[in-house]
Amino acid sequence: MEAKVIAAASDILGYSVDASSSLSDIGSLKILQIIMALDEEGISVPLEKIAKVKSVGDIIAFAEVE
């Protein structure tokens, strides 16, 4: 699952990221795009946790496989 999160984030952001990459400098729209792409892969992030996402690692920690 971690690899899918990193791949989706890298694809949407247009540059390579890893689990420690900060997302604080990108807009919330990009974070939502990453989360929507993961949802298509069967990985969901609870809505109440989306506002707490500050890094790729946060997405990995909050993600749940459906």
PDB file of N, CA and C in Angstrom:
ATOM      1  N   MET A   1       0.821  -1.190   0.000  1.00  0.00           N
ATOM      2  CA  MET A   1       0.000   0.000   0.000  1.00  0.00           C
ATOM      3  C   MET A   1       0.866   1.255   0.000  1.00  0.00           C
ATOM      4  N   GLU A   2       1.953   1.247   0.758  1.00  0.00           N
ATOM      5  CA  GLU A   2       2.837   2.413   0.817  1.00  0.00           C
ATOM      6  C   GLU A   2       3.342   2.787  -0.574  1.00  0.00           C
ATOM      7  N   ALA A   3       3.696   1.800  -1.374  1.00  0.00           N
ATOM      8  CA  ALA A   3       4.192   2.058  -2.723  1.00  0.00           C
ATOM      9  C   ALA A   3       3.114   2.706  -3.591  1.00  0.00           C
ATOM     10  N   LYS A   4       1.861   2.289  -3.429  1.00  0.00           N
ATOM     11  CA  LYS A   4       0.766   2.880  -4.211  1.00  0.00           C
ATOM     12  C   LYS A   4       0.539   4.335  -3.824  1.00  0.00           C
ATOM     13  N   VAL A   5       0.632   4.628  -2.532  1.00  0.00           N
ATOM     14  CA  VAL A   5       0.461   6.004  -2.059  1.00  0.00           C
ATOM     15  C   VAL A   5       1.571   6.888  -2.624  1.00  0.00           C
ATOM     16  N   ILE A   6       2.803   6.412  -2.538  1.00  0.00           N
ATOM     17  CA  ILE A   6       3.942   7.187  -3.052  1.00  0.00           C
ATOM     18  C   ILE A   6       3.823   7.373  -4.559  1.00  0.00           C
ATOM     19  N   ALA A   7       3.436   6.334  -5.283  1.00  0.00           N
ATOM     20  CA  ALA A   7       3.287   6.431  -6.740  1.00  0.00           C
ATOM     21  C   ALA A   7       2.197   7.425  -7.114  1.00  0.00           C
ATOM     22  N   ALA A   8       1.064   7.384  -6.423  1.00  0.00           N
ATOM     23  CA  ALA A   8      -0.030   8.308  -6.722  1.00  0.00           C
ATOM     24  C   ALA A   8       0.376   9.749  -6.427  1.00  0.00           C
ATOM     25  N   ALA A   9       1.021   9.968  -5.296  1.00  0.00           N
ATOM     26  CA  ALA A   9       1.461  11.317  -4.933  1.00  0.00           C
ATOM     27  C   ALA A   9       2.489  11.840  -5.934  1.00  0.00           C
ATOM     28  N   SER A  10       3.436  11.005  -6.318  1.00  0.00           N
ATOM     29  CA  SER A  10       4.456  11.419  -7.283  1.00  0.00           C
ATOM     30  C   SER A  10       3.830  11.758  -8.628  1.00  0.00           C
ATOM     31  N   ASP A  11       2.876  10.935  -9.052  1.00  0.00           N
ATOM     32  CA  ASP A  11       2.211  11.153 -10.333  1.00  0.00           C
ATOM     33  C   ASP A  11       1.448  12.473 -10.347  1.00  0.00           C
ATOM     34  N   ILE A  12       0.695  12.737  -9.317  1.00  0.00           N
ATOM     35  CA  ILE A  12      -0.126  13.946  -9.272  1.00  0.00           C
ATOM     36  C   ILE A  12       0.718  15.201  -9.059  1.00  0.00           C
ATOM     37  N   LEU A  13       1.741  15.102  -8.247  1.00  0.00           N
ATOM     38  CA  LEU A  13       2.577  16.274  -7.986  1.00  0.00           C
ATOM     39  C   LEU A  13       3.577  16.540  -9.105  1.00  0.00           C
ATOM     40  N   GLY A  14       3.879  15.517  -9.887  1.00  0.00           N
ATOM     41  CA  GLY A  14       4.797  15.699 -11.006  1.00  0.00           C
ATOM     42  C   GLY A  14       6.261  15.620 -10.632  1.00  0.00           C
ATOM     43  N   TYR A  15       6.550  15.160  -9.443  1.00  0.00           N
ATOM     44  CA  TYR A  15       7.936  14.940  -9.019  1.00  0.00           C
ATOM     45  C   TYR A  15       7.970  13.801  -8.012  1.00  0.00           C
ATOM     46  N   SER A  16       9.132  13.232  -7.826  1.00  0.00           N
ATOM     47  CA  SER A  16       9.292  12.067  -6.968  1.00  0.00           C
ATOM     48  C   SER A  16       9.184  12.452  -5.491  1.00  0.00           C
ATOM     49  N   VAL A  17       8.399  11.681  -4.748  1.00  0.00           N
ATOM     50  CA  VAL A  17       8.267  11.894  -3.313  1.00  0.00           C
ATOM     51  C   VAL A  17       8.540  10.583  -2.586  1.00  0.00           C
ATOM     52  N   ASP A  18       8.723  10.668  -1.272  1.00  0.00           N
ATOM     53  CA  ASP A  18       8.826   9.463  -0.446  1.00  0.00           C
ATOM     54  C   ASP A  18       7.969   9.682   0.799  1.00  0.00           C
ATOM     55  N   ALA A  19       7.980   8.738   1.708  1.00  0.00           N
ATOM     56  CA  ALA A  19       7.106   8.792   2.880  1.00  0.00           C
ATOM     57  C   ALA A  19       7.379  10.007   3.767  1.00  0.00           C
ATOM     58  N   SER A  20       8.573  10.551   3.726  1.00  0.00           N
ATOM     59  CA  SER A  20       8.894  11.697   4.575  1.00  0.00           C
ATOM     60  C   SER A  20       8.659  13.044   3.889  1.00  0.00           C
ATOM     61  N   SER A  21       8.205  13.024   2.646  1.00  0.00           N
ATOM     62  CA  SER A  21       7.995  14.268   1.898  1.00  0.00           C
ATOM     63  C   SER A  21       6.854  15.084   2.497  1.00  0.00           C
ATOM     64  N   SER A  22       7.118  16.355   2.707  1.00  0.00           N
ATOM     65  CA  SER A  22       6.119  17.268   3.254  1.00  0.00           C
ATOM     66  C   SER A  22       5.139  17.685   2.160  1.00  0.00           C
ATOM     67  N   LEU A  23       3.882  17.837   2.543  1.00  0.00           N
ATOM     68  CA  LEU A  23       2.864  18.332   1.618  1.00  0.00           C
ATOM     69  C   LEU A  23       2.353  19.695   2.064  1.00  0.00           C
ATOM     70  N   SER A  24       3.013  20.303   3.028  1.00  0.00           N
ATOM     71  CA  SER A  24       2.533  21.573   3.570  1.00  0.00           C
ATOM     72  C   SER A  24       2.639  22.723   2.573  1.00  0.00           C
ATOM     73  N   ASP A  25       3.476  22.584   1.554  1.00  0.00           N
ATOM     74  CA  ASP A  25       3.649  23.665   0.584  1.00  0.00           C
ATOM     75  C   ASP A  25       2.772  23.501  -0.661  1.00  0.00           C
ATOM     76  N   ILE A  26       1.948  22.454  -0.704  1.00  0.00           N
ATOM     77  CA  ILE A  26       1.050  22.292  -1.845  1.00  0.00           C
ATOM     78  C   ILE A  26      -0.379  22.579  -1.407  1.00  0.00           C
ATOM     79  N   GLY A  27      -1.222  22.886  -2.364  1.00  0.00           N
ATOM     80  CA  GLY A  27      -2.597  23.223  -2.046  1.00  0.00           C
ATOM     81  C   GLY A  27      -3.434  22.021  -1.651  1.00  0.00           C
ATOM     82  N   SER A  28      -4.532  22.322  -0.979  1.00  0.00           N
ATOM     83  CA  SER A  28      -5.424  21.253  -0.544  1.00  0.00           C
ATOM     84  C   SER A  28      -6.063  20.536  -1.726  1.00  0.00           C
ATOM     85  N   LEU A  29      -6.195  21.211  -2.862  1.00  0.00           N
ATOM     86  CA  LEU A  29      -6.754  20.568  -4.051  1.00  0.00           C
ATOM     87  C   LEU A  29      -5.868  19.404  -4.500  1.00  0.00           C
ATOM     88  N   LYS A  30      -4.557  19.598  -4.461  1.00  0.00           N
ATOM     89  CA  LYS A  30      -3.632  18.522  -4.845  1.00  0.00           C
ATOM     90  C   LYS A  30      -3.737  17.348  -3.876  1.00  0.00           C
ATOM     91  N   ILE A  31      -3.872  17.641  -2.587  1.00  0.00           N
ATOM     92  CA  ILE A  31      -4.021  16.571  -1.609  1.00  0.00           C
ATOM     93  C   ILE A  31      -5.300  15.793  -1.889  1.00  0.00           C
ATOM     94  N   LEU A  32      -6.373  16.505  -2.200  1.00  0.00           N
ATOM     95  CA  LEU A  32      -7.625  15.831  -2.532  1.00  0.00           C
ATOM     96  C   LEU A  32      -7.488  14.994  -3.798  1.00  0.00           C
ATOM     97  N   GLN A  33      -6.734  15.489  -4.775  1.00  0.00           N
ATOM     98  CA  GLN A  33      -6.515  14.715  -6.001  1.00  0.00           C
ATOM     99  C   GLN A  33      -5.766  13.414  -5.692  1.00  0.00           C
ATOM    100  N   ILE A  34      -4.791  13.485  -4.811  1.00  0.00           N
ATOM    101  CA  ILE A  34      -4.052  12.282  -4.413  1.00  0.00           C
ATOM    102  C   ILE A  34      -5.008  11.298  -3.738  1.00  0.00           C
ATOM    103  N   ILE A  35      -5.826  11.799  -2.826  1.00  0.00           N
ATOM    104  CA  ILE A  35      -6.751  10.944  -2.097  1.00  0.00           C
ATOM    105  C   ILE A  35      -7.799  10.336  -3.034  1.00  0.00           C
ATOM    106  N   MET A  36      -8.263  11.101  -4.005  1.00  0.00           N
ATOM    107  CA  MET A  36      -9.223  10.565  -4.979  1.00  0.00           C
ATOM    108  C   MET A  36      -8.575   9.489  -5.845  1.00  0.00           C
ATOM    109  N   ALA A  37      -7.331   9.691  -6.235  1.00  0.00           N
ATOM    110  CA  ALA A  37      -6.622   8.681  -7.033  1.00  0.00           C
ATOM    111  C   ALA A  37      -6.446   7.401  -6.224  1.00  0.00           C
ATOM    112  N   LEU A  38      -6.152   7.534  -4.945  1.00  0.00           N
ATOM    113  CA  LEU A  38      -6.008   6.354  -4.090  1.00  0.00           C
ATOM    114  C   LEU A  38      -7.339   5.632  -3.924  1.00  0.00           C
ATOM    115  N   ASP A  39      -8.414   6.397  -3.847  1.00  0.00           N
ATOM    116  CA  ASP A  39      -9.738   5.802  -3.712  1.00  0.00           C
ATOM    117  C   ASP A  39     -10.055   4.906  -4.912  1.00  0.00           C
ATOM    118  N   GLU A  40      -9.617   5.330  -6.096  1.00  0.00           N
ATOM    119  CA  GLU A  40      -9.806   4.525  -7.302  1.00  0.00           C
ATOM    120  C   GLU A  40      -8.999   3.228  -7.234  1.00  0.00           C
ATOM    121  N   GLU A  41      -7.943   3.222  -6.424  1.00  0.00           N
ATOM    122  CA  GLU A  41      -7.097   2.035  -6.253  1.00  0.00           C
ATOM    123  C   GLU A  41      -7.579   1.156  -5.088  1.00  0.00           C
ATOM    124  N   GLY A  42      -8.694   1.558  -4.451  1.00  0.00           N
ATOM    125  CA  GLY A  42      -9.215   0.789  -3.328  1.00  0.00           C
ATOM    126  C   GLY A  42      -8.604   1.152  -1.992  1.00  0.00           C
ATOM    127  N   ILE A  43      -7.961   2.312  -1.935  1.00  0.00           N
ATOM    128  CA  ILE A  43      -7.358   2.797  -0.690  1.00  0.00           C
ATOM    129  C   ILE A  43      -8.091   4.072  -0.294  1.00  0.00           C
ATOM    130  N   SER A  44      -8.663   4.081   0.898  1.00  0.00           N
ATOM    131  CA  SER A  44      -9.419   5.262   1.311  1.00  0.00           C
ATOM    132  C   SER A  44      -8.769   5.944   2.511  1.00  0.00           C
ATOM    133  N   VAL A  45      -9.013   7.240   2.594  1.00  0.00           N
ATOM    134  CA  VAL A  45      -8.572   8.034   3.739  1.00  0.00           C
ATOM    135  C   VAL A  45      -9.842   8.636   4.339  1.00  0.00           C
ATOM    136  N   PRO A  46     -10.116   8.385   5.606  1.00  0.00           N
ATOM    137  CA  PRO A  46     -11.334   8.925   6.225  1.00  0.00           C
ATOM    138  C   PRO A  46     -11.400  10.446   6.100  1.00  0.00           C
ATOM    139  N   LEU A  47     -12.585  10.954   5.793  1.00  0.00           N
ATOM    140  CA  LEU A  47     -12.765  12.391   5.578  1.00  0.00           C
ATOM    141  C   LEU A  47     -12.292  13.226   6.762  1.00  0.00           C
ATOM    142  N   GLU A  48     -12.514  12.738   7.969  1.00  0.00           N
ATOM    143  CA  GLU A  48     -12.131  13.518   9.151  1.00  0.00           C
ATOM    144  C   GLU A  48     -10.616  13.621   9.318  1.00  0.00           C
ATOM    145  N   LYS A  49      -9.859  12.811   8.600  1.00  0.00           N
ATOM    146  CA  LYS A  49      -8.400  12.838   8.714  1.00  0.00           C
ATOM    147  C   LYS A  49      -7.732  13.655   7.602  1.00  0.00           C
ATOM    148  N   ILE A  50      -8.472  13.976   6.558  1.00  0.00           N
ATOM    149  CA  ILE A  50      -7.873  14.672   5.418  1.00  0.00           C
ATOM    150  C   ILE A  50      -7.264  16.010   5.830  1.00  0.00           C
ATOM    151  N   ALA A  51      -7.924  16.742   6.693  1.00  0.00           N
ATOM    152  CA  ALA A  51      -7.409  18.051   7.127  1.00  0.00           C
ATOM    153  C   ALA A  51      -6.114  17.932   7.911  1.00  0.00           C
ATOM    154  N   LYS A  52      -5.820  16.737   8.440  1.00  0.00           N
ATOM    155  CA  LYS A  52      -4.615  16.531   9.240  1.00  0.00           C
ATOM    156  C   LYS A  52      -3.409  16.109   8.399  1.00  0.00           C
ATOM    157  N   VAL A  53      -3.608  15.920   7.097  1.00  0.00           N
ATOM    158  CA  VAL A  53      -2.523  15.456   6.227  1.00  0.00           C
ATOM    159  C   VAL A  53      -1.508  16.580   6.020  1.00  0.00           C
ATOM    160  N   LYS A  54      -0.277  16.323   6.430  1.00  0.00           N
ATOM    161  CA  LYS A  54       0.822  17.289   6.271  1.00  0.00           C
ATOM    162  C   LYS A  54       1.994  16.691   5.506  1.00  0.00           C
ATOM    163  N   SER A  55       1.957  15.350   5.290  1.00  0.00           N
ATOM    164  CA  SER A  55       3.049  14.695   4.582  1.00  0.00           C
ATOM    165  C   SER A  55       2.529  13.439   3.900  1.00  0.00           C
ATOM    166  N   VAL A  56       3.345  12.886   3.025  1.00  0.00           N
ATOM    167  CA  VAL A  56       2.996  11.623   2.373  1.00  0.00           C
ATOM    168  C   VAL A  56       2.856  10.533   3.433  1.00  0.00           C
ATOM    169  N   GLY A  57       3.679  10.586   4.459  1.00  0.00           N
ATOM    170  CA  GLY A  57       3.605   9.626   5.549  1.00  0.00           C
ATOM    171  C   GLY A  57       2.269   9.671   6.280  1.00  0.00           C
ATOM    172  N   ASP A  58       1.687  10.874   6.394  1.00  0.00           N
ATOM    173  CA  ASP A  58       0.362  10.987   7.014  1.00  0.00           C
ATOM    174  C   ASP A  58      -0.679  10.240   6.190  1.00  0.00           C
ATOM    175  N   ILE A  59      -0.618  10.384   4.881  1.00  0.00           N
ATOM    176  CA  ILE A  59      -1.565   9.670   4.015  1.00  0.00           C
ATOM    177  C   ILE A  59      -1.406   8.164   4.217  1.00  0.00           C
ATOM    178  N   ILE A  60      -0.171   7.711   4.284  1.00  0.00           N
ATOM    179  CA  ILE A  60       0.097   6.268   4.489  1.00  0.00           C
ATOM    180  C   ILE A  60      -0.473   5.834   5.839  1.00  0.00           C
ATOM    181  N   ALA A  61      -0.279   6.640   6.875  1.00  0.00           N
ATOM    182  CA  ALA A  61      -0.748   6.271   8.209  1.00  0.00           C
ATOM    183  C   ALA A  61      -2.272   6.254   8.305  1.00  0.00           C
ATOM    184  N   PHE A  62      -2.925   7.183   7.604  1.00  0.00           N
ATOM    185  CA  PHE A  62      -4.381   7.304   7.690  1.00  0.00           C
ATOM    186  C   PHE A  62      -5.108   6.381   6.718  1.00  0.00           C
ATOM    187  N   ALA A  63      -4.410   5.878   5.710  1.00  0.00           N
ATOM    188  CA  ALA A  63      -5.033   5.090   4.646  1.00  0.00           C
ATOM    189  C   ALA A  63      -5.567   3.756   5.154  1.00  0.00           C
ATOM    190  N   GLU A  64      -6.686   3.375   4.572  1.00  0.00           N
ATOM    191  CA  GLU A  64      -7.306   2.097   4.891  1.00  0.00           C
ATOM    192  C   GLU A  64      -7.593   1.371   3.594  1.00  0.00           C
ATOM    193  N   VAL A  65      -7.237   0.108   3.539  1.00  0.00           N
ATOM    194  CA  VAL A  65      -7.509  -0.688   2.344  1.00  0.00           C
ATOM    195  C   VAL A  65      -8.946  -1.186   2.427  1.00  0.00           C
ATOM    196  N   GLU A  66      -9.674  -0.976   1.349  1.00  0.00           N
ATOM    197  CA  GLU A  66     -11.084  -1.401   1.330  1.00  0.00           C
ATOM    198  C   GLU A  66     -11.208  -2.855   0.952  1.00  0.00           C
TER     199      GLU A  66
END
